[in-house]
N, C-alpha and C. Protein backbone atom coordinates (compact mmCIF):
# COMPACT_ATOMS: atom_id res chain seq x y z
N MET A 1 21.88 -4.84 -22.22
CA MET A 1 20.93 -4.67 -21.15
C MET A 1 19.98 -4.93 -22.08
N ASP A 2 18.86 -5.86 -21.66
CA ASP A 2 17.75 -5.96 -22.53
C ASP A 2 16.50 -4.98 -21.85
N ARG A 3 15.85 -4.41 -22.97
CA ARG A 3 14.73 -3.31 -22.73
C ARG A 3 13.39 -4.23 -22.79
N GLN A 4 12.48 -4.19 -21.74
CA GLN A 4 11.20 -4.45 -22.10
C GLN A 4 10.55 -3.82 -21.04
N PRO A 5 9.11 -3.69 -21.72
CA PRO A 5 8.22 -2.32 -21.16
C PRO A 5 7.87 -3.02 -19.59
N LEU A 6 7.41 -1.95 -19.00
CA LEU A 6 6.85 -2.17 -17.73
C LEU A 6 5.50 -2.58 -17.79
N PHE A 7 4.53 -2.01 -18.68
CA PHE A 7 3.35 -2.28 -18.68
C PHE A 7 2.66 -1.94 -20.44
N GLN A 8 1.59 -2.04 -20.73
CA GLN A 8 0.78 -1.66 -21.76
C GLN A 8 0.23 -0.40 -21.32
N LEU A 9 0.06 0.84 -22.16
CA LEU A 9 -0.77 1.88 -21.75
C LEU A 9 -2.13 1.54 -21.24
N GLU A 10 -2.82 0.64 -21.78
CA GLU A 10 -4.39 0.64 -21.47
C GLU A 10 -4.53 -0.29 -20.02
N GLU A 11 -3.26 -0.66 -19.72
CA GLU A 11 -3.64 -1.07 -17.93
C GLU A 11 -3.24 -0.26 -16.87
N ILE A 12 -3.43 0.93 -17.40
CA ILE A 12 -3.35 2.28 -16.29
C ILE A 12 -4.61 3.06 -16.85
N PRO A 13 -5.19 3.01 -16.04
CA PRO A 13 -6.68 4.16 -16.56
C PRO A 13 -6.26 5.35 -16.69
N ASP A 14 -6.56 6.19 -17.55
CA ASP A 14 -6.20 7.74 -17.71
C ASP A 14 -6.76 8.54 -16.45
N GLY A 15 -5.41 8.83 -16.02
CA GLY A 15 -5.86 9.53 -14.68
C GLY A 15 -5.40 8.63 -13.04
N GLY A 16 -4.97 7.87 -13.91
CA GLY A 16 -4.55 6.57 -12.85
C GLY A 16 -3.09 6.81 -12.48
N SER A 17 -2.62 5.50 -11.35
CA SER A 17 -1.72 5.50 -11.14
C SER A 17 -1.10 3.88 -10.93
N ARG A 18 0.24 3.63 -10.88
CA ARG A 18 0.41 2.21 -10.87
C ARG A 18 1.80 1.94 -10.15
N GLY A 19 2.28 1.28 -9.25
CA GLY A 19 3.33 0.73 -8.85
C GLY A 19 4.16 -0.40 -9.45
N PHE A 20 5.38 -0.11 -9.51
CA PHE A 20 6.34 -1.50 -9.90
C PHE A 20 7.68 -1.55 -9.24
N GLU A 21 8.16 -2.59 -9.37
CA GLU A 21 9.55 -3.02 -9.22
C GLU A 21 10.12 -3.50 -10.16
N VAL A 22 11.34 -3.10 -10.41
CA VAL A 22 12.06 -3.54 -11.47
C VAL A 22 13.79 -3.84 -11.07
N SER A 23 14.01 -5.04 -11.54
CA SER A 23 15.54 -5.08 -10.90
C SER A 23 16.26 -5.95 -11.97
N GLU A 24 17.75 -5.71 -12.15
CA GLU A 24 18.73 -6.19 -13.26
C GLU A 24 19.76 -7.04 -11.98
N PRO A 25 20.35 -8.08 -12.74
CA PRO A 25 21.31 -9.02 -11.91
C PRO A 25 22.17 -8.13 -11.56
N GLY A 26 22.31 -8.39 -9.94
CA GLY A 26 23.71 -7.53 -9.86
C GLY A 26 23.29 -6.27 -9.03
N LEU A 27 22.17 -5.81 -9.32
CA LEU A 27 21.75 -4.29 -8.67
C LEU A 27 20.59 -4.72 -7.92
N PRO A 28 20.77 -3.33 -7.05
CA PRO A 28 19.52 -3.71 -5.85
C PRO A 28 17.82 -3.25 -6.97
N ALA A 29 16.76 -3.63 -6.55
CA ALA A 29 15.28 -3.49 -7.14
C ALA A 29 15.17 -2.33 -6.91
N GLN A 30 14.23 -1.69 -7.78
CA GLN A 30 13.93 -0.48 -7.67
C GLN A 30 12.52 -0.28 -7.41
N ARG A 31 11.93 0.48 -6.82
CA ARG A 31 10.57 0.64 -6.76
C ARG A 31 10.23 2.01 -7.44
N LEU A 32 9.10 1.86 -8.59
CA LEU A 32 8.71 3.04 -9.29
C LEU A 32 7.25 3.39 -9.24
N LEU A 33 6.77 4.38 -9.73
CA LEU A 33 5.44 4.83 -9.74
C LEU A 33 5.23 5.27 -10.87
N ALA A 34 3.90 5.07 -11.42
CA ALA A 34 3.76 5.68 -13.09
C ALA A 34 2.43 6.36 -12.88
N VAL A 35 2.28 7.44 -13.53
CA VAL A 35 0.81 8.05 -13.48
C VAL A 35 0.56 8.73 -14.91
N ARG A 36 -0.95 7.94 -15.38
CA ARG A 36 -1.10 8.32 -16.81
C ARG A 36 -1.99 9.47 -16.86
N LEU A 37 -1.52 10.54 -17.83
CA LEU A 37 -2.43 11.27 -18.33
C LEU A 37 -2.42 11.52 -19.54
N GLY A 38 -3.91 10.88 -20.35
CA GLY A 38 -3.99 10.88 -21.49
C GLY A 38 -3.13 9.94 -21.95
N SER A 39 -2.36 10.20 -23.28
CA SER A 39 -1.40 9.45 -24.03
C SER A 39 -0.02 9.46 -23.22
N SER A 40 0.24 10.29 -22.36
CA SER A 40 1.27 10.34 -21.49
C SER A 40 1.61 9.66 -20.15
N VAL A 41 2.93 9.08 -20.18
CA VAL A 41 2.77 8.49 -18.62
C VAL A 41 4.22 9.26 -18.05
N HIS A 42 4.37 9.39 -16.48
CA HIS A 42 5.46 10.00 -16.17
C HIS A 42 5.62 9.01 -15.20
N VAL A 43 7.22 9.02 -15.09
CA VAL A 43 7.24 7.61 -14.24
C VAL A 43 8.38 8.17 -12.89
N TYR A 44 8.39 7.81 -12.17
CA TYR A 44 9.34 8.60 -10.74
C TYR A 44 9.68 7.31 -9.93
N LEU A 45 10.82 7.39 -9.11
CA LEU A 45 11.29 6.56 -8.31
C LEU A 45 10.10 6.51 -7.11
N ASN A 46 9.50 5.55 -6.46
CA ASN A 46 8.62 5.44 -5.72
C ASN A 46 9.30 5.80 -4.14
N ILE A 47 9.75 6.73 -3.80
CA ILE A 47 10.49 7.29 -2.38
C ILE A 47 10.26 8.74 -2.31
N CYS A 48 9.86 9.00 -1.04
CA CYS A 48 9.69 10.50 -0.90
C CYS A 48 11.25 11.07 -0.60
N PRO A 49 11.28 12.26 -1.43
CA PRO A 49 12.69 12.82 -1.29
C PRO A 49 13.07 13.21 0.23
N HIS A 50 11.99 13.56 0.97
CA HIS A 50 11.86 13.99 2.42
C HIS A 50 12.32 13.05 3.44
N ARG A 51 11.62 11.83 3.60
CA ARG A 51 11.79 11.26 4.41
C ARG A 51 11.99 9.65 4.06
N GLY A 52 12.29 9.20 2.82
CA GLY A 52 13.04 8.30 2.21
C GLY A 52 11.94 7.16 2.45
N THR A 53 10.37 7.45 2.38
CA THR A 53 9.50 6.27 2.99
C THR A 53 8.90 6.25 1.14
N PRO A 54 8.33 5.11 0.52
CA PRO A 54 7.47 4.78 -0.28
C PRO A 54 6.47 5.96 -0.20
N LEU A 55 5.80 6.41 -1.45
CA LEU A 55 4.97 7.37 -1.43
C LEU A 55 3.46 7.05 -1.32
N ASP A 56 3.07 5.34 -1.87
CA ASP A 56 1.85 5.04 -1.75
C ASP A 56 1.14 4.87 -0.29
N TRP A 57 -0.23 5.13 -0.16
CA TRP A 57 -0.86 4.97 0.90
C TRP A 57 -1.14 3.37 0.73
N ARG A 58 -1.34 2.66 -0.32
CA ARG A 58 -1.78 1.32 -0.53
C ARG A 58 -1.32 0.94 -1.90
N PRO A 59 -1.29 -0.35 -2.35
CA PRO A 59 -0.80 -0.29 -3.70
C PRO A 59 -1.19 0.01 -4.65
N ASP A 60 -0.65 0.97 -5.54
CA ASP A 60 -1.02 1.67 -6.86
C ASP A 60 -1.87 2.99 -6.41
N ASP A 61 -2.06 3.53 -4.99
CA ASP A 61 -2.77 4.63 -4.63
C ASP A 61 -1.56 5.64 -4.50
N PHE A 62 -1.09 6.60 -5.33
CA PHE A 62 -0.21 7.42 -5.44
C PHE A 62 -1.06 9.10 -5.22
N LEU A 63 -2.08 9.22 -5.58
CA LEU A 63 -2.63 10.49 -5.87
C LEU A 63 -3.34 10.88 -5.06
N ASP A 64 -3.47 12.23 -4.57
CA ASP A 64 -4.52 13.15 -3.79
C ASP A 64 -5.83 12.48 -4.26
N ALA A 65 -6.99 12.75 -3.51
CA ALA A 65 -8.51 12.75 -3.55
C ALA A 65 -9.12 13.29 -5.00
N ASP A 66 -8.33 14.37 -5.53
CA ASP A 66 -8.49 15.11 -6.76
C ASP A 66 -8.08 14.54 -7.86
N GLY A 67 -6.59 13.68 -7.89
CA GLY A 67 -6.25 12.76 -8.74
C GLY A 67 -5.20 14.06 -9.61
N GLU A 68 -5.09 15.22 -8.48
CA GLU A 68 -4.13 16.23 -9.26
C GLU A 68 -2.86 16.42 -8.91
N HIS A 69 -2.54 15.69 -7.99
CA HIS A 69 -0.77 15.47 -7.30
C HIS A 69 -0.77 14.34 -6.77
N ILE A 70 0.89 14.02 -7.25
CA ILE A 70 1.28 12.74 -6.50
C ILE A 70 1.47 13.04 -4.61
N VAL A 71 0.62 12.18 -3.97
CA VAL A 71 0.97 12.60 -2.44
C VAL A 71 2.00 11.73 -1.59
N CYS A 72 2.26 12.10 -0.63
CA CYS A 72 3.46 11.15 0.47
C CYS A 72 2.33 10.89 1.25
N ALA A 73 2.60 9.34 1.61
CA ALA A 73 1.48 8.81 2.33
C ALA A 73 2.06 9.36 4.13
N SER A 74 3.65 9.37 3.98
CA SER A 74 4.36 9.80 5.10
C SER A 74 3.83 10.98 5.61
N HIS A 75 3.77 12.06 4.84
CA HIS A 75 3.66 13.55 5.53
C HIS A 75 3.04 14.29 4.83
N GLY A 76 2.17 13.82 3.61
CA GLY A 76 1.25 14.57 2.84
C GLY A 76 2.04 15.48 1.76
N ALA A 77 3.26 16.02 1.55
CA ALA A 77 3.93 16.53 0.44
C ALA A 77 3.15 16.35 -0.49
N LEU A 78 2.93 17.27 -1.41
CA LEU A 78 2.21 16.94 -3.25
C LEU A 78 3.18 17.44 -3.66
N PHE A 79 3.31 16.75 -5.07
CA PHE A 79 4.35 16.87 -6.20
C PHE A 79 3.52 16.90 -7.40
N ARG A 80 3.97 17.73 -8.32
CA ARG A 80 3.35 17.73 -9.78
C ARG A 80 3.36 16.48 -10.43
N ILE A 81 2.69 16.16 -11.16
CA ILE A 81 2.77 14.84 -11.88
C ILE A 81 3.14 14.98 -12.97
N GLU A 82 3.20 16.37 -13.73
CA GLU A 82 3.96 16.43 -15.11
C GLU A 82 5.91 16.45 -14.81
N ASP A 83 6.24 16.92 -13.52
CA ASP A 83 7.71 16.99 -13.89
C ASP A 83 8.07 16.76 -12.02
N GLY A 84 7.26 16.21 -11.33
CA GLY A 84 7.75 15.66 -9.73
C GLY A 84 8.23 16.91 -8.73
N VAL A 85 7.96 18.16 -9.22
CA VAL A 85 8.25 19.27 -8.41
C VAL A 85 7.45 19.08 -7.51
N CYS A 86 8.18 19.29 -5.85
CA CYS A 86 7.21 19.62 -4.76
C CYS A 86 6.74 20.98 -4.69
N LEU A 87 5.41 20.92 -4.61
CA LEU A 87 4.35 21.80 -4.24
C LEU A 87 3.98 22.38 -2.82
N ALA A 88 4.05 21.10 -2.18
CA ALA A 88 3.70 21.94 -0.67
C ALA A 88 4.63 20.53 0.40
């Protein structure tokens, strides 16, 4: 399996988020989201564990108004950026 980077760090602003779709031959495509906090990037599946729907409100918009949590566009659940734990 060849490994290729999803993006360069500078492509996501500090405190910003971005969505991606990755695929490998013979496997279904996976939708991912990445959130950058300084030099750290946290990547998760772009799917609400409660509803099974994508998390973004619109492309690359995964964070609440304060940019402190990942938020589900479907029902407003909040997830901690650092580890994906559901907070509310």
